[in-house]
Amino acid sequence: MSREVIAIIDFGSQYGQLIARRVREHKVYSQIYQPSVKIEKLAQLGVKGIILSGGPASVYAENAPVCDPRIFELGVPVLGICYGMQIGCKILGAEIKPAHSREYGRTSLEITDNSDLFKTLPEHTTVWMSHGDQVNQLTDDFVSLAATPTCPFAAVRHKGGKFYGVQFHPEVTHTPRGADILKNFLYDICGCAGDWQMSDFVEETVANIRQQVKDATVICGLSGGVDSAVTAALLHKAIGDQLVCILVDNGLLRKNERQGVESQFGGHFHIDLHVVDWADKFLGKLAGVTDPQQKRKIIGAEFIEAFKSEASKIKNAKFLAQGTLYPDVIESGNKDGNLAANIKLHHNVGGLPEQLGFELVEPLRDLFKDEVRLVGEYLGLPEDMVWRHPFPGPGLAVRVLSDITEAKLAVLRQADDILIEEIKAAGLYRQISQALAVLLPVGTVGVMGDERSYEHVIALRCVETTDFMTADFSHVPYEVLGRIAGRIINEVRGVNRVVYDVSSKPPATIEWE
């Protein structure tokens, strides 16, 4: 299928995948490449433009990542963001030095040229900065487009070619007019038509799956979450009865979760579903463990054992399907030359295929969560499944912030169920991107009836986000929070206090462990 492509060269930015997502919001397909990509490959793809991402390095450092300097010979527009601006300017002859005043956070941008990249933007706007280096001196081949109080060359254009650079991050929500800047680059500068849509992705992915697996059986790990559900639906559309799903009951699922998956996939969709009851073994291995990373390692290792046990019974199984998403890949870091720092250890981006000797099928690997939901809607999945809040791979283990016991899990399940029930009743479930309850490793004094109590604390966490790489806490009305807290304290034996988490990501993460 022929389509417009914007190539994003990722220098290790935590926002590299976010740039890709922002481009797709404008109905232009984007693809991430490492700095080592050669212009021959980009030329073969017929890219309409190139975006150079930010990154943590300094361009003058000895091992600083660099791209093929011949990208400017392709004749397509190039937009450099932060580090990408610096590396582009350096290649084209400008001088980069440490900034006298490091900029981090929101700052005011004064636009001095709004003829193309900043078309329709006001003279003054807010942008998000995060840099320690900056362009110190331009050659006569450059034109300055904008400045901040401490960065005289906050945006530039090269006279002799099609290079644009911005020192700030237009891809983050903290730059309010960032979408307009990217739209100007895509449509006015690159000449994109903007005709890419999710149906194209589905049809192309279905064809790729059929070509990859041929007549073999594919095993899909199913949890009931949106990622695995959409993965299963895509595979079922592509290969039908060649798909076998496995649900591992690890004893760490939400209330009635196993029954829901069995009903929806085994009953409604008539997909071959195998349920493995491995709860006792998981909880036995987790007994007494409090370190969150150790919990993840134990759960990962035990999951492999449970999955292998069931997979060995399935004939002609040669492929394993996983619902890996773009944020999983970027935040897991250090894979396939990925330059980003390692943040997460629990994502299923490796290990199991090698253990089983299977090839990996990851049909959602290039998508963000909201794009996955669009695929689910296109495939006709039920609304409550498509819009279900994310649930972590390690389950409730990373929401019990101490050692795991059946009693603690029972408390947390009931509190979590009340939280979800009440935000649905208040009409807030779709507004909130993810809601969760956390059992804290402390007890507090309370008064229950006429007696003093010393019992558990439940923390509630509700966030709003479009990409799950940045997030703000949800401003849930006090009366709703009060109703949730009242029900938890009254109905969940062993809890006498409920608190609400008002942290944003970054610096906090969405989950507590």
Protein backbone atom coordinates (compact mmCIF):
# COMPACT_ATOMS: atom_id res chain seq x y z
CA MET A 1 0.00 0.00 0.00
CA SER A 2 1.44 3.36 -1.00
CA ARG A 3 1.17 6.06 1.65
CA GLU A 4 2.81 9.23 2.83
CA VAL A 5 5.48 8.66 5.47
CA ILE A 6 7.17 11.06 7.86
CA ALA A 7 10.40 9.54 9.19
CA ILE A 8 11.27 10.34 12.79
CA ILE A 9 14.90 9.83 13.72
CA ASP A 10 14.97 9.14 17.45
CA PHE A 11 18.03 10.29 19.40
CA GLY A 12 16.83 8.75 22.65
CA SER A 13 14.11 11.18 23.61
CA GLN A 14 11.40 9.97 25.98
CA TYR A 15 9.09 11.94 23.65
CA GLY A 16 10.24 10.28 20.43
CA GLN A 17 7.15 8.09 20.21
CA LEU A 18 4.99 11.05 21.17
CA ILE A 19 6.19 12.93 18.08
CA ALA A 20 5.08 9.96 15.98
CA ARG A 21 1.68 10.03 17.63
CA ARG A 22 1.25 13.78 17.08
CA VAL A 23 2.03 13.38 13.39
CA ARG A 24 -0.60 10.65 13.08
CA GLU A 25 -3.16 12.90 14.76
CA HIS A 26 -2.88 14.97 11.60
CA LYS A 27 -3.66 11.84 9.54
CA VAL A 28 -0.11 11.45 8.29
CA TYR A 29 1.65 8.11 8.87
CA SER A 30 4.90 8.28 10.83
CA GLN A 31 7.62 5.74 11.54
CA ILE A 32 10.50 5.77 14.03
CA TYR A 33 14.08 5.08 12.95
CA GLN A 34 17.38 4.95 14.80
CA PRO A 35 20.08 7.56 14.00
CA SER A 36 21.98 4.87 12.07
CA VAL A 37 19.31 4.72 9.34
CA LYS A 38 20.79 5.42 5.89
CA ILE A 39 19.31 7.86 3.42
CA GLU A 40 19.06 5.03 0.89
CA LYS A 41 16.39 3.42 3.05
CA LEU A 42 14.55 6.70 3.57
CA ALA A 43 14.74 7.42 -0.15
CA GLN A 44 13.33 3.97 -0.92
CA LEU A 45 10.39 4.71 1.39
CA GLY A 46 9.77 7.98 -0.43
CA VAL A 47 9.46 9.93 2.81
CA LYS A 48 7.66 13.28 2.61
CA GLY A 49 9.68 14.75 5.46
CA ILE A 50 11.98 13.98 8.39
CA ILE A 51 11.77 14.96 12.05
CA LEU A 52 14.86 14.78 14.26
CA SER A 53 13.84 14.14 17.88
CA GLY A 54 15.27 15.47 21.11
CA GLY A 55 17.66 13.44 23.23
CA PRO A 56 19.63 13.44 26.50
CA ALA A 57 23.12 13.81 24.98
CA SER A 58 25.16 16.88 24.13
CA VAL A 59 26.03 17.24 20.45
CA TYR A 60 29.66 18.02 21.27
CA ALA A 61 30.09 14.94 23.55
CA GLU A 62 32.47 12.24 22.29
CA ASN A 63 29.82 9.55 21.85
CA ALA A 64 26.93 11.81 20.92
CA PRO A 65 24.48 10.09 18.52
CA VAL A 66 24.52 11.48 15.00
CA CYS A 67 22.43 10.86 11.93
CA ASP A 68 23.57 10.46 8.35
CA PRO A 69 24.49 14.01 7.32
CA ARG A 70 23.29 13.19 3.82
CA ILE A 71 19.66 13.47 4.97
CA PHE A 72 19.81 17.05 3.71
CA GLU A 73 20.54 15.69 0.22
CA LEU A 74 17.14 13.93 0.04
CA GLY A 75 15.47 17.20 -0.87
CA VAL A 76 12.65 16.77 1.69
CA PRO A 77 11.96 19.12 4.60
CA VAL A 78 13.64 18.33 7.91
CA LEU A 79 12.44 19.57 11.32
CA GLY A 80 14.84 19.35 14.26
CA ILE A 81 13.44 19.39 17.80
CA CYS A 82 15.73 20.29 20.74
CA TYR A 83 18.75 17.96 20.28
CA GLY A 84 17.50 17.41 16.73
CA MET A 85 17.74 21.14 16.09
CA GLN A 86 21.26 21.23 17.53
CA ILE A 87 22.55 18.26 15.51
CA GLY A 88 20.98 19.67 12.31
CA CYS A 89 22.43 23.12 12.89
CA LYS A 90 25.84 21.63 13.72
CA ILE A 91 25.87 19.60 10.48
CA LEU A 92 24.97 22.78 8.58
CA GLY A 93 27.74 24.84 10.19
CA ALA A 94 26.25 26.53 13.26
CA GLU A 95 27.94 26.59 16.66
CA ILE A 96 26.44 24.75 19.65
CA LYS A 97 27.49 25.50 23.24
CA PRO A 98 26.19 25.01 26.79
CA ALA A 99 23.49 27.56 27.54
CA HIS A 100 24.29 30.31 30.04
CA SER A 101 20.92 29.64 31.63
CA ARG A 102 19.46 26.15 31.34
CA GLU A 103 15.77 26.21 30.43
CA TYR A 104 13.32 23.66 31.79
CA GLY A 105 9.55 24.03 31.76
CA ARG A 106 7.17 26.58 30.30
CA THR A 107 8.62 29.76 28.85
CA SER A 108 7.46 32.63 26.66
CA LEU A 109 8.38 32.51 22.96
CA GLU A 110 8.57 35.65 20.83
CA ILE A 111 8.00 34.86 17.14
CA THR A 112 9.83 37.13 14.71
CA ASP A 113 8.90 35.34 11.46
CA ASN A 114 5.51 33.67 11.06
CA SER A 115 5.61 33.13 7.31
CA ASP A 116 5.65 29.32 7.32
CA LEU A 117 6.45 27.19 10.41
CA PHE A 118 4.66 29.61 12.74
CA LYS A 119 1.87 30.60 10.39
CA THR A 120 -1.35 31.59 12.26
CA LEU A 121 0.49 31.76 15.61
CA PRO A 122 0.45 34.96 17.69
CA GLU A 123 3.60 36.99 18.24
CA HIS A 124 3.88 35.67 21.79
CA THR A 125 3.09 32.10 22.82
CA THR A 126 4.04 29.57 25.51
CA VAL A 127 6.38 26.66 24.78
CA TRP A 128 7.96 23.83 26.77
CA MET A 129 11.76 23.89 27.05
CA SER A 130 14.12 21.18 28.32
CA HIS A 131 17.74 21.82 27.36
CA GLY A 132 21.20 22.58 28.67
CA ASP A 133 22.81 23.32 25.28
CA GLN A 134 21.64 25.64 22.55
CA VAL A 135 22.69 27.23 19.26
CA ASN A 136 25.25 29.86 20.21
CA GLN A 137 26.00 31.38 16.82
CA LEU A 138 24.37 31.15 13.40
CA THR A 139 26.03 31.47 10.04
CA ASP A 140 24.61 33.74 7.34
CA ASP A 141 22.87 30.68 5.91
CA PHE A 142 20.32 30.71 8.75
CA VAL A 143 17.36 32.90 9.61
CA SER A 144 16.19 33.25 13.21
CA LEU A 145 12.42 32.69 13.56
CA ALA A 146 11.85 33.04 17.31
CA ALA A 147 13.54 33.67 20.66
CA THR A 148 12.97 33.31 24.39
CA PRO A 149 14.43 35.58 27.11
CA THR A 150 17.47 33.29 27.50
CA CYS A 151 17.60 31.57 24.09
CA PRO A 152 18.15 34.00 21.18
CA PHE A 153 17.80 31.26 18.55
CA ALA A 154 14.81 29.29 19.80
CA ALA A 155 13.69 28.54 16.23
CA VAL A 156 15.59 28.80 12.94
CA ARG A 157 15.30 28.14 9.22
CA HIS A 158 18.18 27.31 6.87
CA LYS A 159 18.18 29.53 3.77
CA GLY A 160 19.80 27.07 1.39
CA GLY A 161 17.66 24.03 2.09
CA LYS A 162 14.54 22.84 3.85
CA PHE A 163 15.80 22.56 7.44
CA TYR A 164 13.82 24.01 10.35
CA GLY A 165 14.83 23.79 13.98
CA VAL A 166 13.00 24.49 17.23
CA GLN A 167 14.73 24.38 20.62
CA PHE A 168 11.46 23.66 22.43
CA HIS A 169 9.12 20.64 22.31
CA PRO A 170 6.02 21.21 20.13
CA GLU A 171 4.90 17.60 20.67
CA VAL A 172 4.05 17.93 24.39
CA THR A 173 0.74 19.29 25.66
CA HIS A 174 2.63 21.93 27.65
CA THR A 175 3.22 23.74 24.31
CA PRO A 176 -0.38 24.85 23.62
CA ARG A 177 0.14 25.72 19.94
CA GLY A 178 2.51 22.83 19.27
CA ALA A 179 -0.08 20.98 17.19
CA ASP A 180 -0.38 24.02 14.89
CA ILE A 181 3.40 24.13 14.43
CA LEU A 182 3.53 20.45 13.47
CA LYS A 183 0.52 20.87 11.19
CA ASN A 184 2.25 23.75 9.39
CA PHE A 185 5.33 21.59 8.92
CA LEU A 186 3.36 18.58 7.65
CA TYR A 187 0.89 20.31 5.35
CA ASP A 188 2.43 23.60 4.24
CA ILE A 189 6.12 22.69 4.26
CA CYS A 190 6.11 18.95 3.47
CA GLY A 191 2.99 19.09 1.30
CA CYS A 192 1.26 16.12 2.96
CA ALA A 193 -2.34 15.33 1.98
CA GLY A 194 -3.27 13.79 5.34
CA ASP A 195 -5.15 10.77 4.03
CA TRP A 196 -3.92 8.06 6.44
CA GLN A 197 -6.65 6.47 8.58
CA MET A 198 -7.06 3.59 11.00
CA SER A 199 -8.86 1.39 8.47
CA ASP A 200 -5.68 1.47 6.39
CA PHE A 201 -3.71 0.23 9.39
CA VAL A 202 -6.15 -2.61 10.04
CA GLU A 203 -6.22 -3.89 6.47
CA GLU A 204 -2.45 -3.66 6.11
CA THR A 205 -1.87 -5.37 9.49
CA VAL A 206 -4.28 -8.20 8.65
CA ALA A 207 -2.42 -8.80 5.39
CA ASN A 208 0.96 -8.75 7.18
CA ILE A 209 -0.26 -11.25 9.80
CA ARG A 210 -1.49 -13.65 7.13
CA GLN A 211 1.80 -13.38 5.26
CA GLN A 212 3.84 -13.92 8.42
CA VAL A 213 2.02 -16.88 9.99
CA LYS A 214 0.67 -18.68 6.90
CA ASP A 215 -1.06 -21.87 8.13
CA ALA A 216 0.56 -22.01 11.60
CA THR A 217 -1.27 -21.62 14.92
CA VAL A 218 -0.80 -18.39 16.87
CA ILE A 219 -1.06 -18.26 20.64
CA CYS A 220 -2.21 -15.00 22.21
CA GLY A 221 -1.89 -14.18 25.89
CA LEU A 222 -5.26 -12.71 26.85
CA SER A 223 -5.88 -10.61 29.95
CA GLY A 224 -9.15 -8.88 29.11
CA GLY A 225 -7.43 -5.50 28.80
CA VAL A 226 -7.84 -3.41 25.68
CA ASP A 227 -4.37 -4.19 24.27
CA SER A 228 -4.69 -7.97 24.38
CA ALA A 229 -8.37 -7.80 23.35
CA VAL A 230 -7.62 -5.77 20.22
CA THR A 231 -4.62 -7.98 19.46
CA ALA A 232 -6.87 -11.05 19.64
CA ALA A 233 -9.56 -9.39 17.51
CA LEU A 234 -7.03 -8.42 14.81
CA LEU A 235 -5.61 -11.92 14.76
CA HIS A 236 -9.06 -13.49 14.66
CA LYS A 237 -9.97 -11.27 11.69
CA ALA A 238 -6.75 -12.32 9.96
CA ILE A 239 -6.51 -16.06 10.67
CA GLY A 240 -9.76 -17.17 12.35
CA ASP A 241 -9.49 -20.61 13.98
CA GLN A 242 -5.69 -20.58 13.77
CA LEU A 243 -5.80 -18.38 16.89
CA VAL A 244 -5.71 -19.88 20.40
CA CYS A 245 -5.90 -17.56 23.42
CA ILE A 246 -4.49 -18.33 26.87
CA LEU A 247 -5.58 -16.59 30.06
CA VAL A 248 -3.30 -17.15 33.05
CA ASP A 249 -5.13 -16.67 36.34
CA ASN A 250 -2.28 -15.49 38.55
CA GLY A 251 -4.43 -14.71 41.57
CA LEU A 252 -3.69 -11.02 41.06
CA LEU A 253 -6.64 -10.12 38.83
CA ARG A 254 -9.43 -7.65 39.58
CA LYS A 255 -12.77 -8.73 40.99
CA ASN A 256 -14.64 -11.05 38.56
CA GLU A 257 -11.99 -10.46 35.88
CA ARG A 258 -11.49 -14.11 34.95
CA GLN A 259 -15.23 -14.70 34.61
CA GLY A 260 -15.57 -11.62 32.39
CA VAL A 261 -12.85 -12.77 30.00
CA GLU A 262 -14.31 -16.26 29.79
CA SER A 263 -17.75 -14.85 29.02
CA GLN A 264 -16.63 -12.29 26.44
CA PHE A 265 -14.05 -14.26 24.47
CA GLY A 266 -15.01 -17.87 24.98
CA GLY A 267 -18.76 -17.27 24.92
CA HIS A 268 -19.50 -14.17 22.85
CA PHE A 269 -16.62 -14.21 20.31
CA HIS A 270 -16.27 -18.03 20.21
CA ILE A 271 -12.48 -17.81 20.33
CA ASP A 272 -10.62 -20.93 21.49
CA LEU A 273 -9.76 -19.84 25.06
CA HIS A 274 -7.64 -21.85 27.50
CA VAL A 275 -7.68 -20.74 31.17
CA VAL A 276 -4.71 -21.74 33.33
CA ASP A 277 -5.31 -21.64 37.09
CA TRP A 278 -1.85 -20.86 38.47
CA ALA A 279 -2.84 -18.58 41.38
CA ASP A 280 -1.46 -20.76 44.18
CA LYS A 281 1.97 -20.98 42.54
CA PHE A 282 2.17 -17.21 41.92
CA LEU A 283 1.15 -16.32 45.47
CA GLY A 284 3.46 -18.97 46.92
CA LYS A 285 6.48 -17.50 45.11
CA LEU A 286 5.47 -13.94 46.10
CA ALA A 287 5.06 -14.71 49.81
CA GLY A 288 7.13 -12.31 51.90
CA VAL A 289 8.46 -10.34 48.89
CA THR A 290 8.21 -6.54 49.20
CA ASP A 291 10.66 -5.19 46.59
CA PRO A 292 8.60 -4.08 43.56
CA GLN A 293 11.18 -5.08 40.96
CA GLN A 294 11.57 -8.50 42.57
CA LYS A 295 7.80 -8.91 42.41
CA ARG A 296 7.91 -8.18 38.69
CA LYS A 297 10.71 -10.68 38.09
CA ILE A 298 8.91 -13.41 40.01
CA ILE A 299 5.62 -12.74 38.23
CA GLY A 300 7.35 -12.66 34.85
CA ALA A 301 9.19 -15.92 35.46
CA GLU A 302 6.11 -17.69 36.83
CA PHE A 303 3.97 -16.40 33.97
CA ILE A 304 6.41 -17.99 31.53
CA GLU A 305 6.13 -21.32 33.36
CA ALA A 306 2.31 -21.19 33.37
CA PHE A 307 2.16 -20.14 29.72
CA LYS A 308 4.68 -22.79 28.64
CA SER A 309 2.70 -25.46 30.46
CA GLU A 310 -0.45 -24.71 28.47
CA ALA A 311 1.24 -23.79 25.18
CA SER A 312 2.95 -27.19 25.03
CA LYS A 313 -0.50 -28.78 24.64
CA ILE A 314 -1.39 -26.75 21.53
CA LYS A 315 -0.55 -28.35 18.19
CA ASN A 316 1.21 -26.55 15.35
CA ALA A 317 1.83 -23.47 17.54
CA LYS A 318 4.72 -21.49 16.08
CA PHE A 319 3.87 -17.87 16.89
CA LEU A 320 3.20 -15.86 20.03
CA ALA A 321 1.11 -12.69 19.81
CA GLN A 322 1.60 -9.88 22.30
CA GLY A 323 -0.18 -6.55 22.71
CA THR A 324 3.02 -4.53 22.91
CA LEU A 325 2.49 -0.79 22.30
CA TYR A 326 4.85 2.03 21.36
CA PRO A 327 5.11 3.37 24.95
CA ASP A 328 6.01 -0.15 26.16
CA VAL A 329 8.89 -0.26 23.71
CA ILE A 330 10.27 3.23 24.34
CA GLU A 331 9.98 3.00 28.13
CA SER A 332 11.53 -0.46 28.29
CA GLY A 333 14.60 1.02 26.61
CA ASN A 334 17.82 -0.55 25.31
CA LYS A 335 16.12 -2.77 22.72
CA ASP A 336 17.06 -2.80 19.06
CA GLY A 337 19.51 0.05 19.65
CA ASN A 338 16.95 2.14 21.51
CA LEU A 339 18.77 5.04 23.18
CA ALA A 340 16.10 5.87 25.75
CA ALA A 341 16.67 5.30 29.44
CA ASN A 342 15.21 2.12 30.95
CA ILE A 343 12.11 3.00 32.98
CA LYS A 344 9.99 -0.16 33.05
CA LEU A 345 10.88 -3.78 33.69
CA HIS A 346 7.46 -5.44 33.63
CA HIS A 347 6.44 -5.01 30.00
CA ASN A 348 6.23 -8.11 27.84
CA VAL A 349 8.70 -7.00 25.17
CA GLY A 350 10.96 -10.04 25.48
CA GLY A 351 11.73 -13.35 27.16
CA LEU A 352 8.71 -15.53 26.48
CA PRO A 353 9.17 -16.05 22.71
CA GLU A 354 12.74 -17.25 23.29
CA GLN A 355 11.61 -19.57 26.11
CA LEU A 356 8.95 -21.12 23.89
CA GLY A 357 10.95 -21.11 20.70
CA PHE A 358 8.17 -19.11 19.01
CA GLU A 359 8.30 -16.19 16.61
CA LEU A 360 6.72 -13.00 17.88
CA VAL A 361 3.67 -11.29 16.40
CA GLU A 362 3.15 -7.73 17.70
CA PRO A 363 0.43 -6.14 15.56
CA LEU A 364 0.03 -3.07 17.84
CA ARG A 365 3.71 -2.29 18.30
CA ASP A 366 3.48 0.95 16.32
CA LEU A 367 0.37 2.30 18.08
CA PHE A 368 -0.46 4.40 21.12
CA LYS A 369 -3.27 3.51 23.50
CA ASP A 370 -5.83 5.86 21.96
CA GLU A 371 -5.02 4.49 18.49
CA VAL A 372 -5.55 0.96 19.81
CA ARG A 373 -9.02 1.99 20.99
CA LEU A 374 -9.79 3.29 17.49
CA VAL A 375 -8.77 -0.07 16.06
CA GLY A 376 -11.03 -1.80 18.58
CA GLU A 377 -13.98 0.37 17.60
CA TYR A 378 -13.29 -0.27 13.92
CA LEU A 379 -13.28 -4.03 14.60
CA GLY A 380 -16.62 -3.80 16.41
CA LEU A 381 -15.50 -4.67 19.94
CA PRO A 382 -17.92 -3.72 22.75
CA GLU A 383 -17.57 -0.19 24.13
CA ASP A 384 -16.87 -1.33 27.72
CA MET A 385 -14.00 -3.47 26.43
CA VAL A 386 -12.53 -0.83 24.11
CA TRP A 387 -12.60 1.88 26.77
CA ARG A 388 -11.54 -0.27 29.72
CA HIS A 389 -8.84 1.41 31.78
CA PRO A 390 -5.32 -0.04 31.55
CA PHE A 391 -4.36 -2.73 34.04
CA PRO A 392 -0.68 -3.56 34.67
CA GLY A 393 0.85 -6.88 33.69
CA PRO A 394 1.83 -7.73 37.30
CA GLY A 395 -1.79 -7.03 38.32
CA LEU A 396 -2.63 -6.11 41.89
CA ALA A 397 0.86 -7.13 43.04
CA VAL A 398 2.17 -3.66 42.22
CA ARG A 399 -0.79 -2.02 43.95
CA VAL A 400 -0.16 -3.78 47.26
CA LEU A 401 2.87 -1.82 48.46
CA SER A 402 4.14 -4.55 50.78
CA ASP A 403 4.19 -8.34 50.88
CA ILE A 404 1.32 -10.05 49.05
CA THR A 405 -1.29 -11.98 51.03
CA GLU A 406 -4.77 -13.25 50.16
CA ALA A 407 -6.23 -10.98 52.84
CA LYS A 408 -4.58 -7.84 51.41
CA LEU A 409 -5.64 -8.74 47.88
CA ALA A 410 -9.23 -9.19 49.06
CA VAL A 411 -9.20 -5.71 50.64
CA LEU A 412 -7.73 -4.11 47.51
CA ARG A 413 -10.09 -5.91 45.12
CA GLN A 414 -13.13 -4.67 46.98
CA ALA A 415 -11.81 -1.09 47.21
CA ASP A 416 -10.88 -1.09 43.52
CA ASP A 417 -14.31 -2.39 42.57
CA ILE A 418 -16.01 0.40 44.54
CA LEU A 419 -13.79 3.04 42.90
CA ILE A 420 -14.58 1.87 39.37
CA GLU A 421 -18.28 1.44 40.13
CA GLU A 422 -18.62 4.98 41.52
CA ILE A 423 -16.74 6.81 38.75
CA LYS A 424 -18.89 4.97 36.21
CA ALA A 425 -22.02 5.98 38.11
CA ALA A 426 -20.82 9.60 38.11
CA GLY A 427 -20.27 9.51 34.32
CA LEU A 428 -16.51 10.05 34.75
CA TYR A 429 -15.11 6.74 33.49
CA ARG A 430 -14.44 7.91 29.92
CA GLN A 431 -13.11 11.28 31.13
CA ILE A 432 -10.60 9.56 33.43
CA SER A 433 -7.87 7.72 31.53
CA GLN A 434 -6.89 5.39 34.35
CA ALA A 435 -8.23 4.89 37.87
CA LEU A 436 -6.77 2.62 40.50
CA ALA A 437 -6.70 1.90 44.21
CA VAL A 438 -3.46 1.24 46.08
CA LEU A 439 -3.06 -0.50 49.44
CA LEU A 440 -0.40 1.41 51.37
CA PRO A 441 2.12 -0.31 53.65
CA VAL A 442 1.04 1.72 56.70
CA GLY A 443 -1.68 1.58 59.28
CA THR A 444 -3.37 4.62 60.77
CA VAL A 445 -5.34 5.29 63.90
CA GLY A 446 -9.06 5.73 63.50
CA VAL A 447 -12.31 5.49 65.42
CA MET A 448 -14.67 2.75 64.27
CA GLY A 449 -17.87 2.81 66.34
CA ASP A 450 -16.81 3.48 69.92
CA GLU A 451 -13.37 1.91 69.59
CA ARG A 452 -9.98 3.02 68.35
CA SER A 453 -8.78 1.18 65.25
CA TYR A 454 -5.42 0.75 63.58
CA GLU A 455 -6.06 -0.32 60.01
CA HIS A 456 -5.13 -0.04 56.34
CA VAL A 457 -4.95 3.10 54.18
CA ILE A 458 -6.22 3.06 50.58
CA ALA A 459 -4.83 5.61 48.10
CA LEU A 460 -6.95 6.50 45.09
CA ARG A 461 -5.24 7.47 41.83
CA CYS A 462 -7.12 8.93 38.83
CA VAL A 463 -5.25 10.48 35.90
CA GLU A 464 -6.07 12.09 32.57
CA THR A 465 -3.75 11.65 29.59
CA THR A 466 -3.77 11.20 25.83
CA ASP A 467 -0.56 9.21 25.51
CA PHE A 468 0.26 7.71 28.97
CA MET A 469 3.75 9.18 28.73
CA THR A 470 2.65 12.37 30.46
CA ALA A 471 -0.39 12.61 32.72
CA ASP A 472 -2.18 14.99 35.11
CA PHE A 473 -4.28 13.95 38.07
CA SER A 474 -8.03 14.05 37.49
CA HIS A 475 -10.03 16.76 39.23
CA VAL A 476 -12.67 14.37 40.50
CA PRO A 477 -15.46 16.33 42.26
CA TYR A 478 -15.17 16.28 46.04
CA GLU A 479 -18.64 14.81 46.44
CA VAL A 480 -17.66 11.84 44.25
CA LEU A 481 -14.40 11.33 46.15
CA GLY A 482 -16.34 11.59 49.40
CA ARG A 483 -18.81 8.97 48.23
CA ILE A 484 -16.02 6.60 47.17
CA ALA A 485 -14.13 7.07 50.43
CA GLY A 486 -17.28 6.61 52.50
CA ARG A 487 -18.19 3.37 50.77
CA ILE A 488 -14.66 1.95 51.05
CA ILE A 489 -14.41 2.72 54.76
CA ASN A 490 -17.90 1.41 55.47
CA GLU A 491 -17.87 -1.66 53.21
CA VAL A 492 -14.25 -2.85 53.15
CA ARG A 493 -13.30 -4.45 56.45
CA GLY A 494 -9.81 -3.41 57.52
CA VAL A 495 -9.71 0.10 56.00
CA ASN A 496 -10.17 3.26 58.06
CA ARG A 497 -8.63 5.95 55.84
CA VAL A 498 -8.73 6.90 52.14
CA VAL A 499 -6.39 9.47 50.49
CA TYR A 500 -6.23 10.91 46.95
CA ASP A 501 -3.03 11.16 44.87
CA VAL A 502 -2.61 14.55 43.15
CA SER A 503 0.79 13.87 41.53
CA SER A 504 1.42 14.34 37.81
CA LYS A 505 3.62 12.30 35.45
CA PRO A 506 6.42 13.30 35.35
CA PRO A 507 7.88 13.29 37.94
CA ALA A 508 5.58 10.59 39.37
CA THR A 509 4.53 7.53 37.40
CA ILE A 510 0.89 6.48 37.02
CA GLU A 511 1.33 3.29 39.02
CA TRP A 512 2.88 3.49 42.49
CA GLU A 513 5.31 0.61 41.98
